[in-house]
């Protein structure tokens, strides 16, 4: 049989190249990454399609029966005849349905806060690393001061200041966006410091010097040449930061300064459940807590895997 002419071979598709990459191979051969990815995918899928998967709409009063309050999981309510898989809470809402809808809010706040922190941190990190001098010193000293305080305290401070500028009539409707800004402003430092260090290394390389010689605008150099080379560590920080943002949202909501009760997140459900833990209604606290634990742990494990997969020293 004659050898196949390499020039006549069809080029491999993009999906095949992605599947055959080192990162994809590392994911396929890591049991921890596979389980964490599956758990994260199930929770995200259930949250996105909550209106179609939830047996009840917890925001629709017509679907609530006042006789169903505090119904234990899987037990038949003798008055209404309804059965709730994970029980019902103090507001006669199905706990399973509230978890699905609450996970939507927690994931939305987490994703948007990470996106905001990533954009802000990357922008400031590129500027600090490229310009240097007093601009770099000013931005990094601000970052050092912020790192001296716990992120949750920074988020609490920003949340309180922002609510002070919002008229009382709009505070409840703007609470989620204020929460996103507060968490994002408390987490941008990690992105800025990593991007700044990588930018200071990249800007002294020959291809960057050549681009500056031919007159390419600095903004174009940072966007087209430096940014793609610093995205690896940024993606790792963003993956781990997503879990931290979800936990921060749950903490703020648990403290009563986050998502309003009319739009409960996982943190709000946990805050409500702990009030009834010692009276015997354990399921109101247990199931939202397990959902938050599974979501945060799986995303953290994915971040650890991605950090190792993108580390060239471990290949």
Foldseek 3Di string as FASTA:
>chain_A
DDDDDPVPDDDDDPVVCVCPDLLNVLCVPDPLLVVLVVLQVVLVVLLVPLVPPPPDDQLDVVRADPQQALAAAQDQRPPPRDHANLGAHRRRHRLVSLQSLQANLLLVLLVLLLVLLLVVQLVLLLCLLVVPDPSVVVVVVVLVVLVVDDLLVQLVVQLVVVLVPDPPVCCQVCQSVSSSPSNSVSPNSVSSVQLSVQSNVVCPDDVNVVCVVVPPDSVCCCVPPRVVVSVLVSVLCSLLSSLVSSVSQLVCVLVVSGHDPSRHHLSVQLNSQVVCCVVPSNSSNPPSVVSNVSNSVSSNSNSVSSVLSPDPVND
